[in-house]
């Protein structure tokens, strides 16, 4: 099962912008994620087509179950 940490921010135009991190630590806490997100905003680390990231919106861990089919050609 693949996991991603999906962090969502609001930019200068009020649009939502998401940043995803593959395979987050199993023991990551909500407080750690919030701290990192606040750092991203206050240190102006990323920008978007709608301007700088201005506000923390939400975060979640998304798990994807993948089933692959193999064919011998």
PDB file of N, CA and C in Angstrom:
ATOM      1  N   UNK A   1       0.839  -1.172   0.000  1.00  0.00           N
ATOM      2  CA  UNK A   1       0.000   0.000   0.000  1.00  0.00           C
ATOM      3  C   UNK A   1       0.890   1.242   0.000  1.00  0.00           C
ATOM      4  N   UNK A   2       0.665   2.124  -0.937  1.00  0.00           N
ATOM      5  CA  UNK A   2       1.442   3.363  -1.045  1.00  0.00           C
ATOM      6  C   UNK A   2       0.808   4.437  -0.167  1.00  0.00           C
ATOM      7  N   UNK A   3       1.670   5.215   0.497  1.00  0.00           N
ATOM      8  CA  UNK A   3       1.189   6.304   1.350  1.00  0.00           C
ATOM      9  C   UNK A   3       1.799   7.616   0.901  1.00  0.00           C
ATOM     10  N   UNK A   4       1.017   8.687   1.037  1.00  0.00           N
ATOM     11  CA  UNK A   4       1.490  10.046   0.755  1.00  0.00           C
ATOM     12  C   UNK A   4       0.952  10.969   1.825  1.00  0.00           C
ATOM     13  N   UNK A   5       1.779  11.921   2.208  1.00  0.00           N
ATOM     14  CA  UNK A   5       1.333  13.010   3.072  1.00  0.00           C
ATOM     15  C   UNK A   5       0.941  14.141   2.140  1.00  0.00           C
ATOM     16  N   UNK A   6      -0.311  14.550   2.198  1.00  0.00           N
ATOM     17  CA  UNK A   6      -0.821  15.610   1.333  1.00  0.00           C
ATOM     18  C   UNK A   6      -1.075  16.850   2.188  1.00  0.00           C
ATOM     19  N   UNK A   7      -0.282  17.900   1.940  1.00  0.00           N
ATOM     20  CA  UNK A   7      -0.397  19.148   2.688  1.00  0.00           C
ATOM     21  C   UNK A   7      -1.034  20.193   1.771  1.00  0.00           C
ATOM     22  N   UNK A   8      -2.093  20.837   2.241  1.00  0.00           N
ATOM     23  CA  UNK A   8      -2.817  21.804   1.425  1.00  0.00           C
ATOM     24  C   UNK A   8      -2.713  23.190   2.058  1.00  0.00           C
ATOM     25  N   UNK A   9      -2.435  24.172   1.205  1.00  0.00           N
ATOM     26  CA  UNK A   9      -2.249  25.559   1.618  1.00  0.00           C
ATOM     27  C   UNK A   9      -3.183  26.450   0.813  1.00  0.00           C
ATOM     28  N   UNK A  10      -3.313  27.687   1.252  1.00  0.00           N
ATOM     29  CA  UNK A  10      -4.034  28.703   0.481  1.00  0.00           C
ATOM     30  C   UNK A  10      -3.009  29.725   0.008  1.00  0.00           C
ATOM     31  N   UNK A  11      -3.087  30.103  -1.281  1.00  0.00           N
ATOM     32  CA  UNK A  11      -2.128  31.070  -1.815  1.00  0.00           C
ATOM     33  C   UNK A  11      -2.696  32.491  -1.783  1.00  0.00           C
ATOM     34  N   UNK A  12      -1.958  33.433  -2.353  1.00  0.00           N
ATOM     35  CA  UNK A  12      -2.348  34.845  -2.323  1.00  0.00           C
ATOM     36  C   UNK A  12      -3.689  35.111  -2.995  1.00  0.00           C
ATOM     37  N   UNK A  13      -4.047  34.292  -3.981  1.00  0.00           N
ATOM     38  CA  UNK A  13      -5.330  34.462  -4.671  1.00  0.00           C
ATOM     39  C   UNK A  13      -6.475  33.720  -3.978  1.00  0.00           C
ATOM     40  N   UNK A  14      -6.174  33.072  -2.846  1.00  0.00           N
ATOM     41  CA  UNK A  14      -7.203  32.328  -2.131  1.00  0.00           C
ATOM     42  C   UNK A  14      -7.452  30.937  -2.698  1.00  0.00           C
ATOM     43  N   UNK A  15      -6.592  30.500  -3.606  1.00  0.00           N
ATOM     44  CA  UNK A  15      -6.719  29.166  -4.218  1.00  0.00           C
ATOM     45  C   UNK A  15      -5.962  28.149  -3.384  1.00  0.00           C
ATOM     46  N   UNK A  16      -6.426  26.911  -3.423  1.00  0.00           N
ATOM     47  CA  UNK A  16      -5.765  25.839  -2.679  1.00  0.00           C
ATOM     48  C   UNK A  16      -4.634  25.249  -3.514  1.00  0.00           C
ATOM     49  N   UNK A  17      -3.514  25.005  -2.841  1.00  0.00           N
ATOM     50  CA  UNK A  17      -2.319  24.437  -3.450  1.00  0.00           C
ATOM     51  C   UNK A  17      -1.871  23.276  -2.574  1.00  0.00           C
ATOM     52  N   UNK A  18      -1.593  22.127  -3.191  1.00  0.00           N
ATOM     53  CA  UNK A  18      -1.184  20.953  -2.423  1.00  0.00           C
ATOM     54  C   UNK A  18       0.248  20.543  -2.731  1.00  0.00           C
ATOM     55  N   UNK A  19       0.915  20.075  -1.708  1.00  0.00           N
ATOM     56  CA  UNK A  19       2.256  19.510  -1.811  1.00  0.00           C
ATOM     57  C   UNK A  19       2.180  18.109  -1.228  1.00  0.00           C
ATOM     58  N   UNK A  20       2.713  17.122  -1.944  1.00  0.00           N
ATOM     59  CA  UNK A  20       2.662  15.758  -1.422  1.00  0.00           C
ATOM     60  C   UNK A  20       4.066  15.215  -1.192  1.00  0.00           C
ATOM     61  N   UNK A  21       4.175  14.403  -0.169  1.00  0.00           N
ATOM     62  CA  UNK A  21       5.424  13.744   0.201  1.00  0.00           C
ATOM     63  C   UNK A  21       5.164  12.241   0.187  1.00  0.00           C
ATOM     64  N   UNK A  22       5.936  11.513  -0.612  1.00  0.00           N
ATOM     65  CA  UNK A  22       5.796  10.057  -0.671  1.00  0.00           C
ATOM     66  C   UNK A  22       6.367   9.412   0.588  1.00  0.00           C
ATOM     67  N   UNK A  23       5.738   8.337   1.003  1.00  0.00           N
ATOM     68  CA  UNK A  23       6.209   7.493   2.107  1.00  0.00           C
ATOM     69  C   UNK A  23       6.578   8.274   3.370  1.00  0.00           C
ATOM     70  N   UNK A  24       5.614   8.969   3.967  1.00  0.00           N
ATOM     71  CA  UNK A  24       5.918   9.684   5.215  1.00  0.00           C
ATOM     72  C   UNK A  24       6.258   8.687   6.330  1.00  0.00           C
ATOM     73  N   UNK A  25       6.982   9.170   7.311  1.00  0.00           N
ATOM     74  CA  UNK A  25       7.323   8.338   8.468  1.00  0.00           C
ATOM     75  C   UNK A  25       6.062   7.748   9.083  1.00  0.00           C
ATOM     76  N   UNK A  26       6.118   6.516   9.516  1.00  0.00           N
ATOM     77  CA  UNK A  26       4.959   5.843  10.113  1.00  0.00           C
ATOM     78  C   UNK A  26       4.484   6.530  11.392  1.00  0.00           C
ATOM     79  N   UNK A  27       5.417   7.108  12.145  1.00  0.00           N
ATOM     80  CA  UNK A  27       5.062   7.685  13.447  1.00  0.00           C
ATOM     81  C   UNK A  27       4.927   9.211  13.408  1.00  0.00           C
ATOM     82  N   UNK A  28       4.749   9.780  12.224  1.00  0.00           N
ATOM     83  CA  UNK A  28       4.622  11.233  12.116  1.00  0.00           C
ATOM     84  C   UNK A  28       3.357  11.697  12.841  1.00  0.00           C
ATOM     85  N   UNK A  29       3.461  12.851  13.495  1.00  0.00           N
ATOM     86  CA  UNK A  29       2.321  13.353  14.265  1.00  0.00           C
ATOM     87  C   UNK A  29       1.713  14.579  13.588  1.00  0.00           C
ATOM     88  N   UNK A  30       0.505  14.859  13.955  1.00  0.00           N
ATOM     89  CA  UNK A  30      -0.196  16.035  13.452  1.00  0.00           C
ATOM     90  C   UNK A  30       0.569  17.311  13.804  1.00  0.00           C
ATOM     91  N   UNK A  31       1.119  17.376  15.011  1.00  0.00           N
ATOM     92  CA  UNK A  31       1.870  18.558  15.444  1.00  0.00           C
ATOM     93  C   UNK A  31       3.123  18.762  14.599  1.00  0.00           C
ATOM     94  N   UNK A  32       3.814  17.675  14.251  1.00  0.00           N
ATOM     95  CA  UNK A  32       5.009  17.782  13.415  1.00  0.00           C
ATOM     96  C   UNK A  32       4.650  18.311  12.025  1.00  0.00           C
ATOM     97  N   UNK A  33       3.571  17.802  11.467  1.00  0.00           N
ATOM     98  CA  UNK A  33       3.138  18.243  10.140  1.00  0.00           C
ATOM     99  C   UNK A  33       2.753  19.719  10.180  1.00  0.00           C
ATOM    100  N   UNK A  34       2.009  20.113  11.194  1.00  0.00           N
ATOM    101  CA  UNK A  34       1.589  21.516  11.310  1.00  0.00           C
ATOM    102  C   UNK A  34       2.792  22.443  11.443  1.00  0.00           C
ATOM    103  N   UNK A  35       3.785  22.032  12.212  1.00  0.00           N
ATOM    104  CA  UNK A  35       5.001  22.832  12.377  1.00  0.00           C
ATOM    105  C   UNK A  35       5.711  23.017  11.042  1.00  0.00           C
ATOM    106  N   UNK A  36       5.854  21.938  10.281  1.00  0.00           N
ATOM    107  CA  UNK A  36       6.507  22.017   8.973  1.00  0.00           C
ATOM    108  C   UNK A  36       5.707  22.914   8.029  1.00  0.00           C
ATOM    109  N   UNK A  37       4.398  22.754   8.036  1.00  0.00           N
ATOM    110  CA  UNK A  37       3.550  23.572   7.158  1.00  0.00           C
ATOM    111  C   UNK A  37       3.661  25.051   7.517  1.00  0.00           C
ATOM    112  N   UNK A  38       3.662  25.361   8.802  1.00  0.00           N
ATOM    113  CA  UNK A  38       3.822  26.753   9.232  1.00  0.00           C
ATOM    114  C   UNK A  38       5.184  27.302   8.811  1.00  0.00           C
ATOM    115  N   UNK A  39       6.228  26.461   8.893  1.00  0.00           N
ATOM    116  CA  UNK A  39       7.559  26.878   8.443  1.00  0.00           C
ATOM    117  C   UNK A  39       7.567  27.170   6.951  1.00  0.00           C
ATOM    118  N   UNK A  40       6.898  26.329   6.172  1.00  0.00           N
ATOM    119  CA  UNK A  40       6.821  26.540   4.725  1.00  0.00           C
ATOM    120  C   UNK A  40       6.202  27.898   4.424  1.00  0.00           C
ATOM    121  N   UNK A  41       5.153  28.250   5.154  1.00  0.00           N
ATOM    122  CA  UNK A  41       4.477  29.538   4.936  1.00  0.00           C
ATOM    123  C   UNK A  41       5.339  30.704   5.417  1.00  0.00           C
ATOM    124  N   UNK A  42       5.832  30.638   6.643  1.00  0.00           N
ATOM    125  CA  UNK A  42       6.561  31.776   7.203  1.00  0.00           C
ATOM    126  C   UNK A  42       7.909  32.011   6.529  1.00  0.00           C
ATOM    127  N   UNK A  43       8.562  30.947   6.072  1.00  0.00           N
ATOM    128  CA  UNK A  43       9.863  31.093   5.399  1.00  0.00           C
ATOM    129  C   UNK A  43       9.718  31.263   3.891  1.00  0.00           C
ATOM    130  N   UNK A  44       8.466  31.259   3.414  1.00  0.00           N
ATOM    131  CA  UNK A  44       8.187  31.474   1.995  1.00  0.00           C
ATOM    132  C   UNK A  44       9.001  30.524   1.110  1.00  0.00           C
ATOM    133  N   UNK A  45       8.962  29.240   1.460  1.00  0.00           N
ATOM    134  CA  UNK A  45       9.781  28.232   0.785  1.00  0.00           C
ATOM    135  C   UNK A  45       9.275  27.926  -0.626  1.00  0.00           C
ATOM    136  N   UNK A  46       7.963  27.893  -0.819  1.00  0.00           N
ATOM    137  CA  UNK A  46       7.377  27.575  -2.117  1.00  0.00           C
ATOM    138  C   UNK A  46       6.475  28.715  -2.578  1.00  0.00           C
ATOM    139  N   UNK A  47       6.291  28.782  -3.884  1.00  0.00           N
ATOM    140  CA  UNK A  47       5.331  29.704  -4.457  1.00  0.00           C
ATOM    141  C   UNK A  47       4.472  28.921  -5.440  1.00  0.00           C
ATOM    142  N   UNK A  48       3.423  29.529  -5.915  1.00  0.00           N
ATOM    143  CA  UNK A  48       2.539  28.865  -6.871  1.00  0.00           C
ATOM    144  C   UNK A  48       2.184  29.848  -7.978  1.00  0.00           C
ATOM    145  N   UNK A  49       1.464  29.380  -8.969  1.00  0.00           N
ATOM    146  CA  UNK A  49       1.052  30.274 -10.055  1.00  0.00           C
ATOM    147  C   UNK A  49       0.132  31.386  -9.544  1.00  0.00           C
ATOM    148  N   UNK A  50      -0.479  31.177  -8.384  1.00  0.00           N
ATOM    149  CA  UNK A  50      -1.352  32.184  -7.778  1.00  0.00           C
ATOM    150  C   UNK A  50      -0.659  32.973  -6.688  1.00  0.00           C
ATOM    151  N   UNK A  51       0.677  32.922  -6.666  1.00  0.00           N
ATOM    152  CA  UNK A  51       1.433  33.679  -5.675  1.00  0.00           C
ATOM    153  C   UNK A  51       1.943  32.816  -4.535  1.00  0.00           C
ATOM    154  N   UNK A  52       2.486  33.491  -3.537  1.00  0.00           N
ATOM    155  CA  UNK A  52       3.059  32.802  -2.383  1.00  0.00           C
ATOM    156  C   UNK A  52       1.990  32.065  -1.585  1.00  0.00           C
ATOM    157  N   UNK A  53       2.431  31.023  -0.868  1.00  0.00           N
ATOM    158  CA  UNK A  53       1.536  30.306   0.038  1.00  0.00           C
ATOM    159  C   UNK A  53       1.362  31.169   1.280  1.00  0.00           C
ATOM    160  N   UNK A  54       0.119  31.437   1.651  1.00  0.00           N
ATOM    161  CA  UNK A  54      -0.160  32.382   2.731  1.00  0.00           C
ATOM    162  C   UNK A  54      -0.788  31.767   3.972  1.00  0.00           C
ATOM    163  N   UNK A  55      -1.393  30.578   3.839  1.00  0.00           N
ATOM    164  CA  UNK A  55      -2.146  30.030   4.968  1.00  0.00           C
ATOM    165  C   UNK A  55      -2.152  28.506   4.910  1.00  0.00           C
ATOM    166  N   UNK A  56      -2.012  27.887   6.080  1.00  0.00           N
ATOM    167  CA  UNK A  56      -2.141  26.434   6.193  1.00  0.00           C
ATOM    168  C   UNK A  56      -3.619  26.094   6.114  1.00  0.00           C
ATOM    169  N   UNK A  57      -3.970  25.122   5.275  1.00  0.00           N
ATOM    170  CA  UNK A  57      -5.374  24.727   5.142  1.00  0.00           C
ATOM    171  C   UNK A  57      -5.630  23.385   5.822  1.00  0.00           C
ATOM    172  N   UNK A  58      -4.966  22.330   5.350  1.00  0.00           N
ATOM    173  CA  UNK A  58      -5.219  20.998   5.912  1.00  0.00           C
ATOM    174  C   UNK A  58      -4.079  20.055   5.553  1.00  0.00           C
ATOM    175  N   UNK A  59      -4.104  18.888   6.172  1.00  0.00           N
ATOM    176  CA  UNK A  59      -3.132  17.848   5.858  1.00  0.00           C
ATOM    177  C   UNK A  59      -3.790  16.489   6.090  1.00  0.00           C
ATOM    178  N   UNK A  60      -3.371  15.531   5.294  1.00  0.00           N
ATOM    179  CA  UNK A  60      -3.887  14.179   5.480  1.00  0.00           C
ATOM    180  C   UNK A  60      -2.914  13.177   4.890  1.00  0.00           C
ATOM    181  N   UNK A  61      -2.999  11.961   5.381  1.00  0.00           N
ATOM    182  CA  UNK A  61      -2.223  10.865   4.812  1.00  0.00           C
ATOM    183  C   UNK A  61      -3.174  10.060   3.949  1.00  0.00           C
ATOM    184  N   UNK A  62      -2.777   9.881   2.696  1.00  0.00           N
ATOM    185  CA  UNK A  62      -3.587   9.153   1.723  1.00  0.00           C
ATOM    186  C   UNK A  62      -2.919   7.806   1.473  1.00  0.00           C
ATOM    187  N   UNK A  63      -3.690   6.739   1.616  1.00  0.00           N
ATOM    188  CA  UNK A  63      -3.194   5.395   1.350  1.00  0.00           C
ATOM    189  C   UNK A  63      -3.851   4.877   0.083  1.00  0.00           C
ATOM    190  N   UNK A  64      -3.035   4.345  -0.819  1.00  0.00           N
ATOM    191  CA  UNK A  64      -3.539   3.821  -2.078  1.00  0.00           C
ATOM    192  C   UNK A  64      -3.191   2.351  -2.185  1.00  0.00           C
ATOM    193  N   UNK A  65      -4.182   1.553  -2.417  1.00  0.00           N
ATOM    194  CA  UNK A  65      -3.981   0.119  -2.609  1.00  0.00           C
ATOM    195  C   UNK A  65      -3.923  -0.127  -4.115  1.00  0.00           C
ATOM    196  N   UNK A  66      -2.822  -0.666  -4.588  1.00  0.00           N
ATOM    197  CA  UNK A  66      -2.610  -0.856  -6.019  1.00  0.00           C
ATOM    198  C   UNK A  66      -2.603  -2.348  -6.344  1.00  0.00           C
ATOM    199  N   UNK A  67      -3.376  -2.702  -7.345  1.00  0.00           N
ATOM    200  CA  UNK A  67      -3.370  -4.073  -7.852  1.00  0.00           C
ATOM    201  C   UNK A  67      -2.847  -4.039  -9.276  1.00  0.00           C
ATOM    202  N   UNK A  68      -1.753  -4.719  -9.496  1.00  0.00           N
ATOM    203  CA  UNK A  68      -1.164  -4.752 -10.837  1.00  0.00           C
ATOM    204  C   UNK A  68      -1.510  -6.078 -11.507  1.00  0.00           C
ATOM    205  N   UNK A  69      -1.739  -5.993 -12.801  1.00  0.00           N
ATOM    206  CA  UNK A  69      -1.982  -7.172 -13.597  1.00  0.00           C
ATOM    207  C   UNK A  69      -0.777  -7.375 -14.499  1.00  0.00           C
ATOM    208  N   UNK A  70      -0.247  -8.577 -14.503  1.00  0.00           N
ATOM    209  CA  UNK A  70       0.909  -8.866 -15.348  1.00  0.00           C
ATOM    210  C   UNK A  70       0.481  -9.779 -16.485  1.00  0.00           C
ATOM    211  N   UNK A  71       0.963  -9.451 -17.642  1.00  0.00           N
ATOM    212  CA  UNK A  71       0.646 -10.246 -18.835  1.00  0.00           C
ATOM    213  C   UNK A  71       1.943 -10.656 -19.487  1.00  0.00           C
ATOM    214  N   UNK A  72       2.036 -11.905 -19.821  1.00  0.00           N
ATOM    215  CA  UNK A  72       3.201 -12.408 -20.528  1.00  0.00           C
ATOM    216  C   UNK A  72       2.952 -12.281 -22.011  1.00  0.00           C
ATOM    217  N   UNK A  73       3.694 -11.430 -22.657  1.00  0.00           N
ATOM    218  CA  UNK A  73       3.521 -11.207 -24.098  1.00  0.00           C
ATOM    219  C   UNK A  73       4.581 -11.926 -24.882  1.00  0.00           C
TER     220      UNK A  73
END
